[in-house]
Amino acid sequence: MVSALLVAAGAGLTGCDDPASAVAGKTAATPEVSIVTVTPAPFAIVRELPGRIAPTRVADVRPQVSGIIVERLFHQGSDVEAGDPLYNIDSKPFEVDLMAQEAAYAKAQAVLDQAVRHAERIATLARQHVVSDAENEKAIAARRQAEADLAARKADVARARLNLDYATIRAPIKGRIGAALVSEGALVVPNDTTSLASIQQLDPIYADFTQSVSDLNKMRRALERGDLEEIDRGAAKVRLIVDDGNYPLTGKLLFSEAKVNVDTGQVTLRGEFPNPKGELLPGMYVRVLIEQGIDTDAIAVPQQAVQRTTDGGSEVFVVRPDNRIVAQPVRTGAVQNGKWLINEGLKAGDRVVVEGFQKFVAGDLVSPQPIDEIKTGSVEPDTHTSRN
């Protein structure tokens, strides 16, 4: 009986040398991990900055003559063209004034005609020595005076016509008009502190945003050292992130203000964006994506590859040539397009672990499985962009 048990036990021990069991043990000892091989490539440095939408032009609608409003001609909140009539002031007083000025002009014209004929007669008599030179000079002066009076009356007629035209208050610019601030029956006067309405031009539209002067200085020094390549001024892309995602149209950078806000230490920049559908409204909070340089040989890794250490640093796990894991401290830059820009700690050809962290600790032997090679040269920004 004892001999049978020993034989059975021996058979069980012999079974441990089965090839399938050996393969299973080897697999457990060398877990599979996913890696990427980093390759230097051009990398656009994009900053995401806070901003507000502002209209390109704002005009207050004001009267240029006094009178009673008799009609409002626009719908509140509608789009208007420059020159569109907005209000009608009672025009009867201006029509009467125009008639009076035209009558005065006709009278001055008649006086001039008479003065011209009289001056011609006196000139003829003066050449015949019938009248004195003093009489001739007097007739010439009367003619010139009549001519000046006619010119004055002509200006009065033009002013009366202008006032009659001003009785129709027109839009000074193209844009979207707001609420009507006066109604029919209101007396309006020029130079009043209250406007009749306000018009804002919304296409194109501005996005005003700020950036810290320290970031601008870092960028400038990087460009001077050659670490970054300057983007052509006319080719710089400026994009917007609004509440419901990326704004589809690209804008252009207009300027960077030449002074620093003493309270915040920031400078103001402005971008201009097309707004054909009126989706962007003044006062909206947005995030602005602006390209400020290109790192021509940048190294970047997927976000999930970078791990935080207990002391607040950053590290990645690199697979050595012998397929053993080593923890590599790195200094990270910006997060962009779902990738960390690595300033120090990695070089071309390093194999970085991106998946399977729970399967190993530093020093373990692993079986690396490549995934898509990392491409760092994308210049199209998305919402995963470094924030100021």
Protein backbone atom coordinates (compact mmCIF):
# COMPACT_ATOMS: atom_id res chain seq x y z
CA MET A 1 0.00 0.00 0.00
CA VAL A 2 2.80 2.39 0.92
CA SER A 3 4.63 1.49 -2.30
CA ALA A 4 1.54 2.39 -4.39
CA LEU A 5 1.31 5.83 -2.77
CA LEU A 6 4.99 6.50 -3.41
CA VAL A 7 4.59 5.53 -7.07
CA ALA A 8 1.57 7.88 -7.43
CA ALA A 9 3.43 10.73 -5.78
CA GLY A 10 6.37 10.17 -8.10
CA ALA A 11 4.09 10.28 -11.12
CA GLY A 12 2.63 13.60 -9.90
CA LEU A 13 6.09 15.13 -9.54
CA THR A 14 7.05 13.89 -12.99
CA GLY A 15 3.97 15.71 -14.40
CA CYS A 16 5.45 19.08 -13.33
CA ASP A 17 7.98 18.78 -16.16
CA ASP A 18 5.18 18.94 -18.74
CA PRO A 19 6.08 21.45 -21.54
CA ALA A 20 2.68 23.23 -21.35
CA SER A 21 3.15 23.90 -17.64
CA ALA A 22 6.61 25.29 -18.33
CA VAL A 23 5.24 27.71 -20.97
CA ALA A 24 2.51 28.90 -18.59
CA GLY A 25 5.10 29.61 -15.93
CA LYS A 26 7.25 31.52 -18.39
CA THR A 27 4.30 33.62 -19.55
CA ALA A 28 3.42 34.55 -15.97
CA ALA A 29 7.01 35.61 -15.39
CA THR A 30 7.20 37.85 -18.49
CA PRO A 31 3.98 39.85 -18.77
CA GLU A 32 3.12 41.62 -21.99
CA VAL A 33 3.17 45.43 -22.00
CA SER A 34 2.35 47.92 -24.75
CA ILE A 35 5.11 50.31 -25.74
CA VAL A 36 5.78 53.16 -28.15
CA THR A 37 9.14 54.09 -29.61
CA VAL A 38 9.60 57.84 -29.46
CA THR A 39 10.86 59.70 -32.52
CA PRO A 40 11.83 63.40 -32.61
CA ALA A 41 9.63 65.42 -34.97
CA PRO A 42 8.36 69.01 -35.40
CA PHE A 43 5.86 69.92 -32.71
CA ALA A 44 3.74 73.08 -32.73
CA ILE A 45 3.68 74.81 -29.34
CA VAL A 46 0.10 75.86 -28.72
CA ARG A 47 -1.15 77.82 -25.72
CA GLU A 48 -4.71 77.72 -24.41
CA LEU A 49 -5.60 81.08 -22.92
CA PRO A 50 -8.76 82.57 -21.37
CA GLY A 51 -10.58 85.21 -23.36
CA ARG A 52 -13.77 87.17 -24.01
CA ILE A 53 -15.60 87.91 -27.22
CA ALA A 54 -15.85 91.58 -28.22
CA PRO A 55 -17.53 93.28 -31.20
CA THR A 56 -15.32 94.73 -33.91
CA ARG A 57 -17.29 98.00 -33.90
CA VAL A 58 -19.91 99.54 -31.63
CA ALA A 59 -22.01 102.55 -32.62
CA ASP A 60 -24.61 104.41 -30.58
CA VAL A 61 -27.55 105.69 -32.62
CA ARG A 62 -28.05 109.39 -31.85
CA PRO A 63 -30.13 112.19 -33.41
CA GLN A 64 -28.48 115.06 -35.27
CA VAL A 65 -31.52 117.34 -35.15
CA SER A 66 -34.16 118.02 -32.52
CA GLY A 67 -37.69 116.75 -32.92
CA ILE A 68 -40.41 114.30 -31.97
CA ILE A 69 -40.01 110.63 -32.84
CA VAL A 70 -42.99 109.60 -34.96
CA GLU A 71 -41.95 106.12 -36.15
CA ARG A 72 -39.54 103.29 -35.31
CA LEU A 73 -38.49 101.35 -38.42
CA PHE A 74 -36.45 98.41 -37.13
CA HIS A 75 -37.02 95.17 -35.24
CA GLN A 76 -35.08 94.96 -32.00
CA GLY A 77 -32.29 92.39 -32.16
CA SER A 78 -32.23 92.28 -35.97
CA ASP A 79 -29.32 92.76 -38.35
CA VAL A 80 -29.17 96.12 -40.12
CA GLU A 81 -27.06 97.49 -42.94
CA ALA A 82 -25.21 100.80 -42.84
CA GLY A 83 -27.65 103.50 -43.98
CA ASP A 84 -30.84 101.61 -43.09
CA PRO A 85 -33.54 103.94 -41.65
CA LEU A 86 -34.14 103.33 -37.95
CA TYR A 87 -36.31 106.23 -36.72
CA ASN A 88 -38.35 109.01 -38.30
CA ILE A 89 -38.46 112.42 -36.63
CA ASP A 90 -41.42 114.68 -37.48
CA SER A 91 -40.19 116.21 -40.75
CA LYS A 92 -42.79 118.98 -41.23
CA PRO A 93 -40.75 121.73 -39.51
CA PHE A 94 -37.73 120.85 -41.66
CA GLU A 95 -39.82 120.87 -44.85
CA VAL A 96 -41.13 124.34 -44.03
CA ASP A 97 -37.63 125.58 -43.28
CA LEU A 98 -36.40 124.20 -46.61
CA MET A 99 -39.17 126.01 -48.44
CA ALA A 100 -38.24 129.29 -46.72
CA GLN A 101 -34.56 128.88 -47.58
CA GLU A 102 -35.35 128.06 -51.20
CA ALA A 103 -37.47 131.24 -51.40
CA ALA A 104 -34.61 133.27 -49.95
CA TYR A 105 -32.30 131.71 -52.52
CA ALA A 106 -34.63 132.65 -55.36
CA LYS A 107 -34.78 136.24 -54.08
CA ALA A 108 -30.98 136.41 -53.87
CA GLN A 109 -30.76 135.06 -57.43
CA ALA A 110 -33.09 137.84 -58.66
CA VAL A 111 -31.03 140.48 -56.86
CA LEU A 112 -27.87 139.11 -58.42
CA ASP A 113 -29.39 139.19 -61.93
CA GLN A 114 -30.33 142.82 -61.46
CA ALA A 115 -26.91 143.70 -60.03
CA VAL A 116 -25.16 142.04 -62.98
CA ARG A 117 -27.22 143.95 -65.58
CA HIS A 118 -26.76 147.22 -63.72
CA ALA A 119 -23.00 146.66 -63.49
CA GLU A 120 -22.83 145.95 -67.24
CA ARG A 121 -24.69 149.19 -68.07
CA ILE A 122 -22.50 151.25 -65.76
CA ALA A 123 -19.38 149.67 -67.25
CA THR A 124 -20.53 150.66 -70.76
CA LEU A 125 -21.22 154.24 -69.66
CA ALA A 126 -17.88 154.41 -67.87
CA ARG A 127 -16.04 153.44 -71.07
CA GLN A 128 -17.89 156.33 -72.81
CA HIS A 129 -16.89 158.63 -69.94
CA VAL A 130 -20.55 159.32 -69.22
CA VAL A 131 -20.30 158.23 -65.55
CA SER A 132 -17.41 158.45 -63.15
CA ASP A 133 -15.11 155.58 -62.25
CA ALA A 134 -16.52 155.75 -58.70
CA GLU A 135 -20.00 154.87 -60.00
CA ASN A 136 -18.54 151.95 -61.95
CA GLU A 137 -16.70 150.65 -58.88
CA LYS A 138 -19.89 150.97 -56.82
CA ALA A 139 -21.84 148.89 -59.36
CA ILE A 140 -19.10 146.22 -59.40
CA ALA A 141 -19.18 146.03 -55.56
CA ALA A 142 -22.99 145.68 -55.58
CA ARG A 143 -22.72 142.79 -58.05
CA ARG A 144 -20.10 141.00 -55.94
CA GLN A 145 -22.19 141.52 -52.82
CA ALA A 146 -25.19 139.98 -54.59
CA GLU A 147 -23.05 137.02 -55.62
CA ALA A 148 -21.90 136.46 -52.00
CA ASP A 149 -25.47 136.76 -50.74
CA LEU A 150 -26.59 134.15 -53.28
CA ALA A 151 -23.83 131.79 -52.11
CA ALA A 152 -24.98 132.23 -48.49
CA ARG A 153 -28.57 131.50 -49.45
CA LYS A 154 -27.38 128.40 -51.34
CA ALA A 155 -25.62 127.17 -48.18
CA ASP A 156 -28.82 127.79 -46.20
CA VAL A 157 -30.77 125.64 -48.66
CA ALA A 158 -28.16 122.87 -48.39
CA ARG A 159 -28.33 123.04 -44.57
CA ALA A 160 -32.14 122.86 -44.65
CA ARG A 161 -32.02 119.84 -46.97
CA LEU A 162 -29.45 118.19 -44.66
CA ASN A 163 -31.67 118.75 -41.61
CA LEU A 164 -34.61 117.29 -43.50
CA ASP A 165 -32.49 114.24 -44.33
CA TYR A 166 -31.40 114.00 -40.67
CA ALA A 167 -35.08 113.70 -39.76
CA THR A 168 -34.65 110.08 -40.82
CA ILE A 169 -32.14 108.55 -38.38
CA ARG A 170 -30.07 105.91 -40.15
CA ALA A 171 -27.75 103.09 -39.06
CA PRO A 172 -24.14 104.36 -38.95
CA ILE A 173 -22.64 100.86 -39.35
CA LYS A 174 -23.62 97.35 -40.36
CA GLY A 175 -24.36 95.04 -37.45
CA ARG A 176 -26.92 93.82 -34.96
CA ILE A 177 -29.09 96.42 -33.31
CA GLY A 178 -30.15 96.07 -29.71
CA ALA A 179 -33.14 97.32 -27.77
CA ALA A 180 -34.94 100.52 -28.73
CA LEU A 181 -34.27 102.99 -25.92
CA VAL A 182 -36.92 105.54 -26.98
CA SER A 183 -40.41 105.14 -28.33
CA GLU A 184 -42.73 107.14 -30.57
CA GLY A 185 -43.63 110.52 -29.12
CA ALA A 186 -40.30 111.07 -27.40
CA LEU A 187 -38.49 114.38 -27.87
CA VAL A 188 -34.90 113.88 -28.94
CA VAL A 189 -32.13 116.46 -29.14
CA PRO A 190 -28.56 116.35 -30.46
CA ASN A 191 -25.73 115.74 -27.97
CA ASP A 192 -28.07 113.98 -25.53
CA THR A 193 -26.29 111.56 -23.19
CA THR A 194 -28.86 108.83 -23.95
CA SER A 195 -28.62 107.04 -27.28
CA LEU A 196 -31.65 105.78 -29.20
CA ALA A 197 -30.18 102.30 -29.72
CA SER A 198 -26.84 100.54 -30.04
CA ILE A 199 -25.42 98.60 -33.00
CA GLN A 200 -22.62 96.04 -32.72
CA GLN A 201 -20.73 94.60 -35.66
CA LEU A 202 -20.41 90.85 -35.08
CA ASP A 203 -18.86 89.59 -38.33
CA PRO A 204 -15.94 89.48 -38.09
CA ILE A 205 -15.63 89.50 -34.31
CA TYR A 206 -12.78 89.88 -31.83
CA ALA A 207 -11.55 87.55 -29.10
CA ASP A 208 -9.50 89.41 -26.49
CA PHE A 209 -7.29 87.18 -24.34
CA THR A 210 -4.37 87.48 -21.96
CA GLN A 211 -1.06 85.72 -21.44
CA SER A 212 1.45 86.08 -18.63
CA VAL A 213 4.51 88.11 -19.50
CA SER A 214 6.72 85.36 -18.03
CA ASP A 215 5.39 82.87 -20.60
CA LEU A 216 6.02 85.36 -23.39
CA ASN A 217 9.58 85.89 -22.17
CA LYS A 218 10.21 82.13 -22.01
CA MET A 219 8.92 81.78 -25.54
CA ARG A 220 11.10 84.67 -26.73
CA ARG A 221 14.23 83.19 -25.14
CA ALA A 222 13.48 79.78 -26.65
CA LEU A 223 13.19 81.39 -30.08
CA GLU A 224 16.47 83.27 -29.56
CA ARG A 225 18.29 80.07 -28.52
CA GLY A 226 16.92 78.22 -31.51
CA ASP A 227 14.99 75.72 -29.37
CA LEU A 228 11.84 76.85 -31.17
CA GLU A 229 11.32 77.87 -34.76
CA GLU A 230 9.19 80.97 -35.30
CA ILE A 231 5.88 80.55 -37.07
CA ASP A 232 5.35 82.94 -39.96
CA ARG A 233 3.22 85.83 -38.75
CA GLY A 234 0.69 85.48 -41.53
CA ALA A 235 0.37 81.72 -41.05
CA ALA A 236 -0.22 81.61 -37.29
CA LYS A 237 -3.44 79.82 -36.41
CA VAL A 238 -5.78 81.03 -33.71
CA ARG A 239 -8.70 78.84 -32.71
CA LEU A 240 -11.50 79.04 -30.17
CA ILE A 241 -12.98 76.59 -27.69
CA VAL A 242 -16.55 77.46 -26.71
CA ASP A 243 -18.98 75.80 -24.32
CA ASP A 244 -20.07 73.12 -26.80
CA GLY A 245 -16.63 72.32 -28.22
CA ASN A 246 -14.26 73.69 -30.84
CA TYR A 247 -15.37 76.67 -32.92
CA PRO A 248 -15.05 75.46 -36.53
CA LEU A 249 -13.54 78.60 -38.10
CA THR A 250 -9.91 79.66 -37.74
CA GLY A 251 -8.98 83.23 -36.85
CA LYS A 252 -5.86 85.38 -37.12
CA LEU A 253 -3.76 87.11 -34.49
CA LEU A 254 -4.01 90.90 -34.81
CA PHE A 255 -1.62 92.20 -32.17
CA SER A 256 0.02 91.75 -28.80
CA GLU A 257 -0.34 94.76 -26.55
CA ALA A 258 2.94 96.52 -25.81
CA LYS A 259 2.30 97.00 -22.10
CA VAL A 260 1.89 94.78 -19.06
CA ASN A 261 -1.04 95.03 -16.66
CA VAL A 262 0.55 96.05 -13.36
CA ASP A 263 -2.10 94.22 -11.33
CA THR A 264 -2.02 90.85 -13.11
CA GLY A 265 1.38 90.75 -14.84
CA GLN A 266 -0.29 89.84 -18.13
CA VAL A 267 -0.42 91.26 -21.62
CA THR A 268 -3.51 91.46 -23.82
CA LEU A 269 -3.70 89.84 -27.25
CA ARG A 270 -6.48 90.03 -29.82
CA GLY A 271 -7.65 87.58 -32.46
CA GLU A 272 -10.15 88.17 -35.25
CA PHE A 273 -12.60 85.45 -36.25
CA PRO A 274 -15.25 85.15 -38.95
CA ASN A 275 -18.73 84.91 -37.44
CA PRO A 276 -21.15 84.45 -40.37
CA LYS A 277 -23.83 82.68 -38.35
CA GLY A 278 -23.63 84.98 -35.33
CA GLU A 279 -22.70 82.12 -33.00
CA LEU A 280 -20.16 84.23 -31.12
CA LEU A 281 -21.70 87.01 -29.04
CA PRO A 282 -20.00 89.85 -27.16
CA GLY A 283 -19.17 88.94 -23.57
CA MET A 284 -18.94 85.17 -24.19
CA TYR A 285 -16.18 83.39 -22.26
CA VAL A 286 -13.94 81.34 -24.55
CA ARG A 287 -10.60 79.54 -24.55
CA VAL A 288 -8.21 80.65 -27.26
CA LEU A 289 -5.70 78.29 -28.86
CA ILE A 290 -2.72 80.15 -30.32
CA GLU A 291 0.36 78.73 -32.01
CA GLN A 292 3.48 80.51 -30.78
CA GLY A 293 6.37 78.42 -32.11
CA ILE A 294 7.52 75.06 -33.43
CA ASP A 295 9.95 72.71 -31.65
CA THR A 296 11.65 71.17 -34.68
CA ASP A 297 12.96 68.03 -32.88
CA ALA A 298 10.53 67.54 -30.02
CA ILE A 299 10.03 64.28 -28.12
CA ALA A 300 6.54 63.53 -26.84
CA VAL A 301 4.77 60.55 -25.28
CA PRO A 302 1.11 59.74 -24.68
CA GLN A 303 -0.32 61.21 -21.50
CA GLN A 304 -0.89 57.81 -19.89
CA ALA A 305 2.82 57.00 -20.20
CA VAL A 306 3.81 59.69 -17.66
CA GLN A 307 3.47 58.69 -14.02
CA ARG A 308 3.66 60.94 -10.98
CA THR A 309 6.13 60.10 -8.22
CA THR A 310 5.56 60.51 -4.50
CA ASP A 311 7.80 63.57 -4.41
CA GLY A 312 5.73 65.34 -7.11
CA GLY A 313 8.06 64.56 -10.01
CA SER A 314 7.36 62.76 -13.25
CA GLU A 315 8.69 59.48 -14.61
CA VAL A 316 8.14 56.97 -17.38
CA PHE A 317 8.91 53.28 -17.56
CA VAL A 318 11.42 52.44 -20.27
CA VAL A 319 12.08 48.93 -21.60
CA ARG A 320 15.83 48.36 -21.83
CA PRO A 321 17.42 46.30 -24.63
CA ASP A 322 17.33 43.23 -22.32
CA ASN A 323 13.55 43.74 -21.95
CA ARG A 324 13.78 44.75 -18.32
CA ILE A 325 11.85 47.70 -16.96
CA VAL A 326 13.61 50.79 -15.61
CA ALA A 327 11.96 53.90 -14.13
CA GLN A 328 13.21 57.00 -15.96
CA PRO A 329 12.69 60.46 -14.39
CA VAL A 330 11.61 63.08 -16.96
CA ARG A 331 10.93 66.79 -17.07
CA THR A 332 7.65 67.48 -18.81
CA GLY A 333 6.56 70.52 -20.76
CA ALA A 334 3.12 71.17 -22.22
CA VAL A 335 0.25 68.74 -22.72
CA GLN A 336 -0.95 68.89 -26.30
CA ASN A 337 -2.95 66.61 -28.57
CA GLY A 338 -3.10 64.04 -25.78
CA LYS A 339 0.70 63.93 -25.40
CA TRP A 340 3.25 65.19 -22.91
CA LEU A 341 6.09 67.16 -24.40
CA ILE A 342 9.26 65.79 -22.77
CA ASN A 343 11.98 68.41 -22.19
CA GLU A 344 14.50 66.11 -20.47
CA GLY A 345 14.92 62.40 -19.73
CA LEU A 346 14.18 60.65 -23.04
CA LYS A 347 16.01 60.25 -26.32
CA ALA A 348 15.17 58.96 -29.75
CA GLY A 349 14.63 55.21 -29.85
CA ASP A 350 13.59 54.78 -26.19
CA ARG A 351 10.80 52.25 -25.75
CA VAL A 352 8.23 53.71 -23.35
CA VAL A 353 5.49 51.70 -21.66
CA VAL A 354 1.98 53.05 -22.24
CA GLU A 355 -0.19 50.14 -21.06
CA GLY A 356 0.15 47.29 -18.59
CA PHE A 357 1.59 49.15 -15.58
CA GLN A 358 -0.20 46.84 -13.14
CA LYS A 359 1.73 43.83 -14.44
CA PHE A 360 5.26 44.76 -13.33
CA VAL A 361 7.55 46.69 -11.06
CA ALA A 362 10.86 48.28 -11.99
CA GLY A 363 13.46 45.63 -12.76
CA ASP A 364 11.00 43.00 -14.02
CA LEU A 365 11.45 41.20 -17.29
CA VAL A 366 8.59 41.96 -19.70
CA SER A 367 7.47 41.08 -23.20
CA PRO A 368 7.10 44.44 -25.05
CA GLN A 369 4.41 44.64 -27.71
CA PRO A 370 4.73 47.72 -29.99
CA ILE A 371 1.69 49.79 -30.80
CA ASP A 372 1.54 52.63 -33.33
CA GLU A 373 4.78 54.56 -33.39
CA ILE A 374 4.34 57.97 -31.78
CA LYS A 375 4.08 60.85 -34.19
CA THR A 376 4.80 64.22 -32.58
CA GLY A 377 4.58 66.46 -35.59
CA SER A 378 0.86 67.22 -35.59
CA VAL A 379 0.22 70.94 -35.63
CA GLU A 380 -3.56 70.78 -35.42
CA PRO A 381 -4.50 71.81 -31.86
CA ASP A 382 -7.35 70.25 -29.94
CA THR A 383 -8.85 70.70 -26.51
CA HIS A 384 -5.99 68.84 -24.81
CA THR A 385 -3.70 71.83 -25.11
CA SER A 386 -1.45 73.33 -22.45
CA ARG A 387 -3.18 75.88 -20.33
CA ASN A 388 -1.77 79.14 -19.15
